[in-house]
Amino acid sequence: AWALMFLIGSLDYVTGRDFAVSPYYLVPICWAAWAVGRRAGTWLAVVSTITWFASDLMSGYFYEHRLTPVWNALMFLILFLFVVHLISAFQAAHYHLEETVKRRTAALEAEIQERKRLETAKLQAERLAMVGTMAAQVAHEIRNPLGSMTFNLDLIHREIDQLAQAG
């Protein structure tokens, strides 16, 4: 970013007032503010303003009022610092949003895992209930004939006892 800023400053000096190169100072300033942080962006904004000011003075352009280049440099500095502030605020909001998305994603993944676990438990309970119902039906089907056989065996046993006593 520093090298790019000095390259832009050199280009600004070489082209003079024929070409407006001033907006291009924002490229390294924004890059530094995003990549390194607000402090680096602020320093680059100050140095870019000084570079622009030096380039403007060395171009030999004559202003009607002696404070005009100072005023222009001050306006550039304010613009550059404002852009650095906006980039930093945007980056902070971006990181905050990323963290919020990560937290919500983790919560949703935990909820999905819990729902899968509950669904598995529900299916297991349904299977056990079906097995229980089938076991009850089988037991009922077995118990009815067994009850009938037991009843008939009791009747036969009584008949045999009565025959044994009579005979």
C-alpha atoms as a PDB file:
ATOM      1  CA  ALA A   1       0.000   0.000   0.000  1.00  0.00           C
ATOM      2  CA  TRP A   2       2.875   2.357   0.810  1.00  0.00           C
ATOM      3  CA  ALA A   3       4.601   1.607  -2.497  1.00  0.00           C
ATOM      4  CA  LEU A   4       1.345   2.087  -4.379  1.00  0.00           C
ATOM      5  CA  MET A   5       0.767   5.407  -2.631  1.00  0.00           C
ATOM      6  CA  PHE A   6       4.250   6.640  -3.589  1.00  0.00           C
ATOM      7  CA  LEU A   7       3.705   5.422  -7.160  1.00  0.00           C
ATOM      8  CA  ILE A   8       0.461   7.404  -7.322  1.00  0.00           C
ATOM      9  CA  GLY A   9       2.245  10.427  -5.830  1.00  0.00           C
ATOM     10  CA  SER A  10       4.959  10.156  -8.482  1.00  0.00           C
ATOM     11  CA  LEU A  11       2.337   9.840 -11.200  1.00  0.00           C
ATOM     12  CA  ASP A  12       0.539  12.846  -9.738  1.00  0.00           C
ATOM     13  CA  TYR A  13       3.762  14.868  -9.889  1.00  0.00           C
ATOM     14  CA  VAL A  14       4.650  13.737 -13.437  1.00  0.00           C
ATOM     15  CA  THR A  15       1.186  14.421 -14.881  1.00  0.00           C
ATOM     16  CA  GLY A  16       0.871  17.741 -13.088  1.00  0.00           C
ATOM     17  CA  ARG A  17      -2.504  19.384 -13.153  1.00  0.00           C
ATOM     18  CA  ASP A  18      -3.383  17.973 -16.581  1.00  0.00           C
ATOM     19  CA  PHE A  19      -4.771  14.723 -15.143  1.00  0.00           C
ATOM     20  CA  ALA A  20      -6.687  14.310 -11.870  1.00  0.00           C
ATOM     21  CA  VAL A  21      -4.872  11.509 -10.060  1.00  0.00           C
ATOM     22  CA  SER A  22      -6.060  12.507  -6.582  1.00  0.00           C
ATOM     23  CA  PRO A  23      -8.933   9.987  -6.290  1.00  0.00           C
ATOM     24  CA  TYR A  24      -6.476   7.138  -6.819  1.00  0.00           C
ATOM     25  CA  TYR A  25      -4.892   7.890  -3.447  1.00  0.00           C
ATOM     26  CA  LEU A  26      -7.971   6.217  -1.991  1.00  0.00           C
ATOM     27  CA  VAL A  27      -6.969   2.804  -3.382  1.00  0.00           C
ATOM     28  CA  PRO A  28      -3.951   2.222  -1.092  1.00  0.00           C
ATOM     29  CA  ILE A  29      -5.689   3.983   1.789  1.00  0.00           C
ATOM     30  CA  CYS A  30      -8.712   1.654   1.567  1.00  0.00           C
ATOM     31  CA  TRP A  31      -6.447  -1.335   1.087  1.00  0.00           C
ATOM     32  CA  ALA A  32      -4.409  -0.511   4.200  1.00  0.00           C
ATOM     33  CA  ALA A  33      -7.502   0.278   6.273  1.00  0.00           C
ATOM     34  CA  TRP A  34      -9.097  -3.063   5.335  1.00  0.00           C
ATOM     35  CA  ALA A  35      -6.017  -5.280   5.464  1.00  0.00           C
ATOM     36  CA  VAL A  36      -4.179  -3.818   8.451  1.00  0.00           C
ATOM     37  CA  GLY A  37      -6.671  -1.654  10.297  1.00  0.00           C
ATOM     38  CA  ARG A  38      -7.776   1.877  11.087  1.00  0.00           C
ATOM     39  CA  ARG A  39      -4.419   3.006  12.395  1.00  0.00           C
ATOM     40  CA  ALA A  40      -2.545   2.019   9.219  1.00  0.00           C
ATOM     41  CA  GLY A  41      -5.266   3.593   7.095  1.00  0.00           C
ATOM     42  CA  THR A  42      -5.021   6.811   9.082  1.00  0.00           C
ATOM     43  CA  TRP A  43      -1.251   6.954   8.699  1.00  0.00           C
ATOM     44  CA  LEU A  44      -1.517   6.290   4.987  1.00  0.00           C
ATOM     45  CA  ALA A  45      -4.191   8.991   4.685  1.00  0.00           C
ATOM     46  CA  VAL A  46      -1.906  11.523   6.367  1.00  0.00           C
ATOM     47  CA  VAL A  47       1.119  10.555   4.259  1.00  0.00           C
ATOM     48  CA  SER A  48      -0.999  10.537   1.086  1.00  0.00           C
ATOM     49  CA  THR A  49      -2.208  14.040   1.878  1.00  0.00           C
ATOM     50  CA  ILE A  50       1.364  15.218   2.456  1.00  0.00           C
ATOM     51  CA  THR A  51       2.439  13.513  -0.787  1.00  0.00           C
ATOM     52  CA  TRP A  52      -0.391  15.169  -2.708  1.00  0.00           C
ATOM     53  CA  PHE A  53       0.451  18.524  -1.123  1.00  0.00           C
ATOM     54  CA  ALA A  54       4.162  18.182  -1.998  1.00  0.00           C
ATOM     55  CA  SER A  55       3.309  17.101  -5.553  1.00  0.00           C
ATOM     56  CA  ASP A  56       0.957  20.057  -5.945  1.00  0.00           C
ATOM     57  CA  LEU A  57       3.548  22.522  -4.661  1.00  0.00           C
ATOM     58  CA  MET A  58       6.321  21.059  -6.840  1.00  0.00           C
ATOM     59  CA  SER A  59       4.121  21.234  -9.937  1.00  0.00           C
ATOM     60  CA  GLY A  60       4.677  25.002  -9.938  1.00  0.00           C
ATOM     61  CA  TYR A  61       1.014  25.894 -10.291  1.00  0.00           C
ATOM     62  CA  PHE A  62       0.278  29.397  -9.075  1.00  0.00           C
ATOM     63  CA  TYR A  63      -2.849  29.852  -6.933  1.00  0.00           C
ATOM     64  CA  GLU A  64      -4.523  33.218  -6.507  1.00  0.00           C
ATOM     65  CA  HIS A  65      -4.547  32.756  -2.759  1.00  0.00           C
ATOM     66  CA  ARG A  66      -1.586  31.304  -0.871  1.00  0.00           C
ATOM     67  CA  LEU A  67      -3.776  29.161   1.431  1.00  0.00           C
ATOM     68  CA  THR A  68      -5.657  27.431  -1.400  1.00  0.00           C
ATOM     69  CA  PRO A  69      -3.305  24.410  -1.572  1.00  0.00           C
ATOM     70  CA  VAL A  70      -3.416  24.118   2.217  1.00  0.00           C
ATOM     71  CA  TRP A  71      -7.211  24.214   2.103  1.00  0.00           C
ATOM     72  CA  ASN A  72      -7.250  21.587  -0.668  1.00  0.00           C
ATOM     73  CA  ALA A  73      -4.862  19.363   1.301  1.00  0.00           C
ATOM     74  CA  LEU A  74      -7.031  19.741   4.403  1.00  0.00           C
ATOM     75  CA  MET A  75     -10.127  18.737   2.404  1.00  0.00           C
ATOM     76  CA  PHE A  76      -8.292  15.706   1.020  1.00  0.00           C
ATOM     77  CA  LEU A  77      -7.197  14.755   4.524  1.00  0.00           C
ATOM     78  CA  ILE A  78     -10.757  15.011   5.825  1.00  0.00           C
ATOM     79  CA  LEU A  79     -12.032  12.941   2.895  1.00  0.00           C
ATOM     80  CA  PHE A  80      -9.321  10.312   3.347  1.00  0.00           C
ATOM     81  CA  LEU A  81      -9.911  10.058   7.103  1.00  0.00           C
ATOM     82  CA  PHE A  82     -13.661   9.796   6.543  1.00  0.00           C
ATOM     83  CA  VAL A  83     -13.126   6.949   4.084  1.00  0.00           C
ATOM     84  CA  VAL A  84     -10.785   5.218   6.562  1.00  0.00           C
ATOM     85  CA  HIS A  85     -13.465   5.559   9.245  1.00  0.00           C
ATOM     86  CA  LEU A  86     -16.132   4.132   6.916  1.00  0.00           C
ATOM     87  CA  ILE A  87     -13.921   1.217   5.858  1.00  0.00           C
ATOM     88  CA  SER A  88     -13.111   0.428   9.497  1.00  0.00           C
ATOM     89  CA  ALA A  89     -16.760   0.637  10.519  1.00  0.00           C
ATOM     90  CA  PHE A  90     -17.763  -1.561   7.588  1.00  0.00           C
ATOM     91  CA  GLN A  91     -15.067  -4.085   8.482  1.00  0.00           C
ATOM     92  CA  ALA A  92     -16.181  -4.172  12.133  1.00  0.00           C
ATOM     93  CA  ALA A  93     -19.784  -4.691  11.024  1.00  0.00           C
ATOM     94  CA  HIS A  94     -18.612  -7.390   8.613  1.00  0.00           C
ATOM     95  CA  TYR A  95     -16.719  -9.276  11.334  1.00  0.00           C
ATOM     96  CA  HIS A  96     -19.629  -8.872  13.764  1.00  0.00           C
ATOM     97  CA  LEU A  97     -21.990 -10.255  11.128  1.00  0.00           C
ATOM     98  CA  GLU A  98     -19.651 -13.184  10.442  1.00  0.00           C
ATOM     99  CA  GLU A  99     -19.536 -14.015  14.161  1.00  0.00           C
ATOM    100  CA  THR A 100     -23.315 -13.782  14.404  1.00  0.00           C
ATOM    101  CA  VAL A 101     -23.677 -16.113  11.416  1.00  0.00           C
ATOM    102  CA  LYS A 102     -21.201 -18.573  12.983  1.00  0.00           C
ATOM    103  CA  ARG A 103     -23.081 -18.550  16.307  1.00  0.00           C
ATOM    104  CA  ARG A 104     -26.448 -19.002  14.626  1.00  0.00           C
ATOM    105  CA  THR A 105     -25.093 -21.717  12.367  1.00  0.00           C
ATOM    106  CA  ALA A 106     -23.707 -23.568  15.383  1.00  0.00           C
ATOM    107  CA  ALA A 107     -27.069 -23.220  17.151  1.00  0.00           C
ATOM    108  CA  LEU A 108     -28.922 -24.485  14.086  1.00  0.00           C
ATOM    109  CA  GLU A 109     -26.545 -27.410  13.693  1.00  0.00           C
ATOM    110  CA  ALA A 110     -27.046 -28.282  17.367  1.00  0.00           C
ATOM    111  CA  GLU A 111     -30.813 -28.086  16.884  1.00  0.00           C
ATOM    112  CA  ILE A 112     -30.607 -30.273  13.768  1.00  0.00           C
ATOM    113  CA  GLN A 113     -28.571 -32.860  15.688  1.00  0.00           C
ATOM    114  CA  GLU A 114     -31.102 -32.773  18.544  1.00  0.00           C
ATOM    115  CA  ARG A 115     -33.987 -33.213  16.095  1.00  0.00           C
ATOM    116  CA  LYS A 116     -32.222 -36.154  14.451  1.00  0.00           C
ATOM    117  CA  ARG A 117     -31.650 -37.709  17.881  1.00  0.00           C
ATOM    118  CA  LEU A 118     -35.311 -37.188  18.830  1.00  0.00           C
ATOM    119  CA  GLU A 119     -36.467 -38.573  15.471  1.00  0.00           C
ATOM    120  CA  THR A 120     -34.319 -41.665  16.002  1.00  0.00           C
ATOM    121  CA  ALA A 121     -35.695 -42.051  19.539  1.00  0.00           C
ATOM    122  CA  LYS A 122     -39.253 -41.635  18.195  1.00  0.00           C
ATOM    123  CA  LEU A 123     -38.692 -44.305  15.537  1.00  0.00           C
ATOM    124  CA  GLN A 124     -37.209 -46.625  18.176  1.00  0.00           C
ATOM    125  CA  ALA A 125     -40.206 -46.029  20.451  1.00  0.00           C
ATOM    126  CA  GLU A 126     -42.606 -46.699  17.559  1.00  0.00           C
ATOM    127  CA  ARG A 127     -40.786 -49.933  16.748  1.00  0.00           C
ATOM    128  CA  LEU A 128     -40.891 -51.015  20.389  1.00  0.00           C
ATOM    129  CA  ALA A 129     -44.603 -50.157  20.570  1.00  0.00           C
ATOM    130  CA  MET A 130     -45.243 -52.205  17.423  1.00  0.00           C
ATOM    131  CA  VAL A 131     -43.254 -55.131  18.828  1.00  0.00           C
ATOM    132  CA  GLY A 132     -45.224 -54.841  22.083  1.00  0.00           C
ATOM    133  CA  THR A 133     -48.528 -54.839  20.201  1.00  0.00           C
ATOM    134  CA  MET A 134     -47.464 -57.855  18.165  1.00  0.00           C
ATOM    135  CA  ALA A 135     -46.316 -59.668  21.331  1.00  0.00           C
ATOM    136  CA  ALA A 136     -49.662 -58.957  22.983  1.00  0.00           C
ATOM    137  CA  GLN A 137     -51.526 -60.300  19.952  1.00  0.00           C
ATOM    138  CA  VAL A 138     -49.324 -63.407  19.808  1.00  0.00           C
ATOM    139  CA  ALA A 139     -49.777 -63.942  23.550  1.00  0.00           C
ATOM    140  CA  HIS A 140     -53.521 -63.565  23.150  1.00  0.00           C
ATOM    141  CA  GLU A 141     -53.564 -66.020  20.247  1.00  0.00           C
ATOM    142  CA  ILE A 142     -51.501 -68.521  22.243  1.00  0.00           C
ATOM    143  CA  ARG A 143     -53.357 -67.993  25.503  1.00  0.00           C
ATOM    144  CA  ASN A 144     -56.812 -68.695  24.035  1.00  0.00           C
ATOM    145  CA  PRO A 145     -56.016 -72.226  22.823  1.00  0.00           C
ATOM    146  CA  LEU A 146     -53.977 -72.923  25.962  1.00  0.00           C
ATOM    147  CA  GLY A 147     -56.871 -71.766  28.113  1.00  0.00           C
ATOM    148  CA  SER A 148     -59.200 -74.033  26.181  1.00  0.00           C
ATOM    149  CA  MET A 149     -56.791 -76.971  26.545  1.00  0.00           C
ATOM    150  CA  THR A 150     -56.367 -76.308  30.262  1.00  0.00           C
ATOM    151  CA  PHE A 151     -60.142 -76.161  30.709  1.00  0.00           C
ATOM    152  CA  ASN A 152     -60.610 -79.429  28.784  1.00  0.00           C
ATOM    153  CA  LEU A 153     -57.796 -81.105  30.731  1.00  0.00           C
ATOM    154  CA  ASP A 154     -59.471 -80.044  33.981  1.00  0.00           C
ATOM    155  CA  LEU A 155     -62.744 -81.534  32.753  1.00  0.00           C
ATOM    156  CA  ILE A 156     -60.986 -84.762  31.770  1.00  0.00           C
ATOM    157  CA  HIS A 157     -59.233 -84.816  35.124  1.00  0.00           C
ATOM    158  CA  ARG A 158     -62.581 -84.486  36.936  1.00  0.00           C
ATOM    159  CA  GLU A 159     -64.119 -87.201  34.778  1.00  0.00           C
ATOM    160  CA  ILE A 160     -61.247 -89.516  35.543  1.00  0.00           C
ATOM    161  CA  ASP A 161     -61.556 -88.746  39.273  1.00  0.00           C
ATOM    162  CA  GLN A 162     -65.287 -89.465  39.172  1.00  0.00           C
ATOM    163  CA  LEU A 163     -64.731 -92.730  37.302  1.00  0.00           C
ATOM    164  CA  ALA A 164     -62.042 -93.739  39.745  1.00  0.00           C
ATOM    165  CA  GLN A 165     -64.341 -93.111  42.694  1.00  0.00           C
ATOM    166  CA  ALA A 166     -67.252 -94.912  41.080  1.00  0.00           C
ATOM    167  CA  GLY A 167     -65.290 -97.921  40.146  1.00  0.00           C
END
